[in-house]
Amino acid sequence: MKLITNIVKTDDSISTLPLRLVAGVIFSAHGSQKLFSWFGGYGLEGTGQWMETIGLAPGFFMALLAGSAEFFGGLLLIAGFLTRPISAILAFTMVMAILSVHIGNGLFMSNNGYEFGLSLLAMSLALIIQGGGKFSVDIAISKKLKSKF
């Protein structure tokens, strides 16, 4: 029970709400491109083939992992459920994207650089530190657990 309490632990601050919502929408949209070909994406097949070309093999499986982390992780961020562990997974995903795709292109997005990935990484790290905050499922669980113990 102590482990669950620590995972959902958060304060009653509203400051994480915009971070969760914006990051959640962006991650979910990018994940849906990889998984479902939505919003102009290439789906699992196309994304998997591309991932193979940059050395992330097996490509289909890597696309499934990245797409699932982004899509489902984004939805969980929006809800504020398991914010800390989900944010850690998304931070790792962004580190991988930056190092495997964008780092050689410099900072700026106009050159396919890492500034966007770095922004999402910073948002994820902030959510690891702060948790879900006010208006999150995490705080509801946390309060429920506190009342029982």
C-alpha atoms as a PDB file:
ATOM      1  CA  MET A   1       0.000   0.000   0.000  1.00  0.00           C
ATOM      2  CA  LYS A   2       2.957   2.322   0.714  1.00  0.00           C
ATOM      3  CA  LEU A   3       4.163   1.899  -2.873  1.00  0.00           C
ATOM      4  CA  ILE A   4       0.785   2.945  -4.303  1.00  0.00           C
ATOM      5  CA  THR A   5       0.680   5.905  -1.923  1.00  0.00           C
ATOM      6  CA  ASN A   6       4.101   7.066  -3.117  1.00  0.00           C
ATOM      7  CA  ILE A   7       3.223   6.625  -6.797  1.00  0.00           C
ATOM      8  CA  VAL A   8       0.054   8.744  -6.653  1.00  0.00           C
ATOM      9  CA  LYS A   9       1.392  11.203  -4.065  1.00  0.00           C
ATOM     10  CA  THR A  10       0.855  14.799  -5.200  1.00  0.00           C
ATOM     11  CA  ASP A  11       0.076  18.202  -3.819  1.00  0.00           C
ATOM     12  CA  ASP A  12      -3.125  20.171  -4.252  1.00  0.00           C
ATOM     13  CA  SER A  13      -1.586  22.660  -6.705  1.00  0.00           C
ATOM     14  CA  ILE A  14      -3.244  23.641  -9.956  1.00  0.00           C
ATOM     15  CA  SER A  15       0.135  24.428 -11.585  1.00  0.00           C
ATOM     16  CA  THR A  16       0.468  20.999 -13.177  1.00  0.00           C
ATOM     17  CA  LEU A  17      -2.943  21.087 -14.859  1.00  0.00           C
ATOM     18  CA  PRO A  18      -1.799  23.028 -17.955  1.00  0.00           C
ATOM     19  CA  LEU A  19       1.331  20.864 -18.202  1.00  0.00           C
ATOM     20  CA  ARG A  20      -0.697  17.664 -18.013  1.00  0.00           C
ATOM     21  CA  LEU A  21      -3.320  18.792 -20.507  1.00  0.00           C
ATOM     22  CA  VAL A  22      -0.962  20.228 -23.118  1.00  0.00           C
ATOM     23  CA  ALA A  23       1.564  17.402 -22.857  1.00  0.00           C
ATOM     24  CA  GLY A  24      -1.239  14.828 -22.847  1.00  0.00           C
ATOM     25  CA  VAL A  25      -2.833  16.193 -26.001  1.00  0.00           C
ATOM     26  CA  ILE A  26       0.500  16.444 -27.830  1.00  0.00           C
ATOM     27  CA  PHE A  27       1.681  12.971 -26.794  1.00  0.00           C
ATOM     28  CA  SER A  28      -1.687  11.389 -27.619  1.00  0.00           C
ATOM     29  CA  ALA A  29      -1.767  13.011 -31.048  1.00  0.00           C
ATOM     30  CA  HIS A  30       1.766  11.863 -31.872  1.00  0.00           C
ATOM     31  CA  GLY A  31       1.048   8.372 -30.604  1.00  0.00           C
ATOM     32  CA  SER A  32      -2.111   8.179 -32.709  1.00  0.00           C
ATOM     33  CA  GLN A  33      -0.035   9.014 -35.789  1.00  0.00           C
ATOM     34  CA  LYS A  34       2.200   6.044 -35.065  1.00  0.00           C
ATOM     35  CA  LEU A  35      -0.524   3.588 -34.064  1.00  0.00           C
ATOM     36  CA  PHE A  36      -3.533   4.496 -36.186  1.00  0.00           C
ATOM     37  CA  SER A  37      -2.271   6.677 -39.076  1.00  0.00           C
ATOM     38  CA  TRP A  38      -4.349   9.564 -37.714  1.00  0.00           C
ATOM     39  CA  PHE A  39      -3.415  13.212 -38.320  1.00  0.00           C
ATOM     40  CA  GLY A  40      -1.234  12.407 -41.321  1.00  0.00           C
ATOM     41  CA  GLY A  41       0.771   9.685 -39.594  1.00  0.00           C
ATOM     42  CA  TYR A  42       2.155   6.537 -41.192  1.00  0.00           C
ATOM     43  CA  GLY A  43       0.719   3.972 -38.792  1.00  0.00           C
ATOM     44  CA  LEU A  44       2.593   1.024 -37.350  1.00  0.00           C
ATOM     45  CA  GLU A  45       3.818  -0.334 -40.675  1.00  0.00           C
ATOM     46  CA  GLY A  46       5.166   2.940 -42.027  1.00  0.00           C
ATOM     47  CA  THR A  47       6.577   4.119 -38.713  1.00  0.00           C
ATOM     48  CA  GLY A  48       8.114   0.707 -38.135  1.00  0.00           C
ATOM     49  CA  GLN A  49       9.812   0.757 -41.525  1.00  0.00           C
ATOM     50  CA  TRP A  50      11.203   4.219 -40.823  1.00  0.00           C
ATOM     51  CA  MET A  51      12.421   3.153 -37.366  1.00  0.00           C
ATOM     52  CA  GLU A  52      14.312   0.268 -38.966  1.00  0.00           C
ATOM     53  CA  THR A  53      16.131   2.742 -41.227  1.00  0.00           C
ATOM     54  CA  ILE A  54      17.429   4.711 -38.229  1.00  0.00           C
ATOM     55  CA  GLY A  55      18.589   1.569 -36.422  1.00  0.00           C
ATOM     56  CA  LEU A  56      15.681   0.978 -34.072  1.00  0.00           C
ATOM     57  CA  ALA A  57      14.878  -2.659 -34.696  1.00  0.00           C
ATOM     58  CA  PRO A  58      12.619  -4.495 -34.845  1.00  0.00           C
ATOM     59  CA  GLY A  59      10.890  -1.477 -36.308  1.00  0.00           C
ATOM     60  CA  PHE A  60       7.284  -2.600 -35.965  1.00  0.00           C
ATOM     61  CA  PHE A  61       7.774  -3.445 -32.291  1.00  0.00           C
ATOM     62  CA  MET A  62       9.609  -0.184 -31.622  1.00  0.00           C
ATOM     63  CA  ALA A  63       6.795   1.758 -33.336  1.00  0.00           C
ATOM     64  CA  LEU A  64       4.270  -0.127 -31.211  1.00  0.00           C
ATOM     65  CA  LEU A  65       6.179   0.709 -28.018  1.00  0.00           C
ATOM     66  CA  ALA A  66       6.704   4.382 -28.852  1.00  0.00           C
ATOM     67  CA  GLY A  67       3.173   4.842 -30.190  1.00  0.00           C
ATOM     68  CA  SER A  68       1.595   3.122 -27.195  1.00  0.00           C
ATOM     69  CA  ALA A  69       3.687   5.084 -24.693  1.00  0.00           C
ATOM     70  CA  GLU A  70       2.724   8.339 -26.377  1.00  0.00           C
ATOM     71  CA  PHE A  71      -0.948   7.631 -27.080  1.00  0.00           C
ATOM     72  CA  PHE A  72      -1.960   5.867 -23.879  1.00  0.00           C
ATOM     73  CA  GLY A  73       0.504   7.842 -21.757  1.00  0.00           C
ATOM     74  CA  GLY A  74      -0.959  11.065 -23.115  1.00  0.00           C
ATOM     75  CA  LEU A  75      -4.475   9.973 -22.238  1.00  0.00           C
ATOM     76  CA  LEU A  76      -3.362   9.063 -18.712  1.00  0.00           C
ATOM     77  CA  LEU A  77      -1.679  12.464 -18.346  1.00  0.00           C
ATOM     78  CA  ILE A  78      -4.889  14.218 -19.337  1.00  0.00           C
ATOM     79  CA  ALA A  79      -6.692  12.274 -16.601  1.00  0.00           C
ATOM     80  CA  GLY A  80      -3.825  12.726 -14.159  1.00  0.00           C
ATOM     81  CA  PHE A  81      -3.681   9.000 -13.460  1.00  0.00           C
ATOM     82  CA  LEU A  82      -0.289   7.494 -12.577  1.00  0.00           C
ATOM     83  CA  THR A  83       1.251  10.807 -13.571  1.00  0.00           C
ATOM     84  CA  ARG A  84       4.735  10.170 -12.177  1.00  0.00           C
ATOM     85  CA  PRO A  85       5.420   6.737 -13.728  1.00  0.00           C
ATOM     86  CA  ILE A  86       3.784   7.693 -17.027  1.00  0.00           C
ATOM     87  CA  SER A  87       5.841  10.879 -17.157  1.00  0.00           C
ATOM     88  CA  ALA A  88       9.010   8.848 -16.556  1.00  0.00           C
ATOM     89  CA  ILE A  89       8.152   6.586 -19.503  1.00  0.00           C
ATOM     90  CA  LEU A  90       7.408   9.601 -21.691  1.00  0.00           C
ATOM     91  CA  ALA A  91      10.648  11.321 -20.610  1.00  0.00           C
ATOM     92  CA  PHE A  92      12.582   8.204 -21.638  1.00  0.00           C
ATOM     93  CA  THR A  93      10.713   8.180 -24.956  1.00  0.00           C
ATOM     94  CA  MET A  94      11.733  11.799 -25.566  1.00  0.00           C
ATOM     95  CA  VAL A  95      15.377  11.109 -24.693  1.00  0.00           C
ATOM     96  CA  MET A  96      15.353   8.280 -27.237  1.00  0.00           C
ATOM     97  CA  ALA A  97      13.730  10.503 -29.889  1.00  0.00           C
ATOM     98  CA  ILE A  98      16.201  13.317 -29.281  1.00  0.00           C
ATOM     99  CA  LEU A  99      19.268  11.078 -29.349  1.00  0.00           C
ATOM    100  CA  SER A 100      18.243   8.805 -32.223  1.00  0.00           C
ATOM    101  CA  VAL A 101      16.564  11.315 -34.550  1.00  0.00           C
ATOM    102  CA  HIS A 102      17.068  14.972 -33.722  1.00  0.00           C
ATOM    103  CA  ILE A 103      20.386  15.607 -31.956  1.00  0.00           C
ATOM    104  CA  GLY A 104      22.457  15.787 -35.146  1.00  0.00           C
ATOM    105  CA  ASN A 105      20.194  18.470 -36.592  1.00  0.00           C
ATOM    106  CA  GLY A 106      20.831  21.097 -33.931  1.00  0.00           C
ATOM    107  CA  LEU A 107      18.323  22.808 -31.697  1.00  0.00           C
ATOM    108  CA  PHE A 108      15.757  24.296 -34.044  1.00  0.00           C
ATOM    109  CA  MET A 109      12.626  22.549 -35.335  1.00  0.00           C
ATOM    110  CA  SER A 110      13.069  24.184 -38.727  1.00  0.00           C
ATOM    111  CA  ASN A 111      16.038  21.832 -39.226  1.00  0.00           C
ATOM    112  CA  ASN A 112      14.279  18.831 -37.597  1.00  0.00           C
ATOM    113  CA  GLY A 113      16.195  19.675 -34.436  1.00  0.00           C
ATOM    114  CA  TYR A 114      15.474  18.682 -30.874  1.00  0.00           C
ATOM    115  CA  GLU A 115      13.777  21.808 -29.453  1.00  0.00           C
ATOM    116  CA  PHE A 116      10.273  20.276 -29.524  1.00  0.00           C
ATOM    117  CA  GLY A 117      11.451  16.996 -27.999  1.00  0.00           C
ATOM    118  CA  LEU A 118      13.392  18.941 -25.386  1.00  0.00           C
ATOM    119  CA  SER A 119      10.258  20.906 -24.485  1.00  0.00           C
ATOM    120  CA  LEU A 120       8.254  17.697 -24.051  1.00  0.00           C
ATOM    121  CA  LEU A 121      11.112  16.193 -22.031  1.00  0.00           C
ATOM    122  CA  ALA A 122      11.075  19.233 -19.705  1.00  0.00           C
ATOM    123  CA  MET A 123       7.299  18.958 -19.283  1.00  0.00           C
ATOM    124  CA  SER A 124       7.614  15.260 -18.471  1.00  0.00           C
ATOM    125  CA  LEU A 125      10.386  15.887 -15.933  1.00  0.00           C
ATOM    126  CA  ALA A 126       8.308  18.590 -14.215  1.00  0.00           C
ATOM    127  CA  LEU A 127       5.406  16.149 -13.919  1.00  0.00           C
ATOM    128  CA  ILE A 128       7.692  13.459 -12.466  1.00  0.00           C
ATOM    129  CA  ILE A 129       8.706  15.930  -9.777  1.00  0.00           C
ATOM    130  CA  GLN A 130       5.279  17.430  -9.029  1.00  0.00           C
ATOM    131  CA  GLY A 131       2.831  14.632  -9.762  1.00  0.00           C
ATOM    132  CA  GLY A 132      -0.688  15.121 -11.065  1.00  0.00           C
ATOM    133  CA  GLY A 133      -1.750  17.997  -8.826  1.00  0.00           C
ATOM    134  CA  LYS A 134      -5.252  19.326  -8.385  1.00  0.00           C
ATOM    135  CA  PHE A 135      -7.986  17.957 -10.661  1.00  0.00           C
ATOM    136  CA  SER A 136      -6.179  14.643 -11.165  1.00  0.00           C
ATOM    137  CA  VAL A 137      -7.176  11.059 -10.514  1.00  0.00           C
ATOM    138  CA  ASP A 138      -3.933  10.754  -8.532  1.00  0.00           C
ATOM    139  CA  ILE A 139      -5.003  13.292  -5.924  1.00  0.00           C
ATOM    140  CA  ALA A 140      -8.395  11.607  -5.544  1.00  0.00           C
ATOM    141  CA  ILE A 141      -6.675   8.262  -4.926  1.00  0.00           C
ATOM    142  CA  SER A 142      -4.149   9.906  -2.609  1.00  0.00           C
ATOM    143  CA  LYS A 143      -6.888  11.505  -0.502  1.00  0.00           C
ATOM    144  CA  LYS A 144      -8.812   8.229  -0.391  1.00  0.00           C
ATOM    145  CA  LEU A 145      -5.710   6.363   0.810  1.00  0.00           C
ATOM    146  CA  LYS A 146      -4.981   9.009   3.447  1.00  0.00           C
ATOM    147  CA  SER A 147      -8.481   8.689   4.864  1.00  0.00           C
ATOM    148  CA  LYS A 148      -8.093   4.922   5.206  1.00  0.00           C
ATOM    149  CA  PHE A 149      -4.752   5.010   6.983  1.00  0.00           C
END
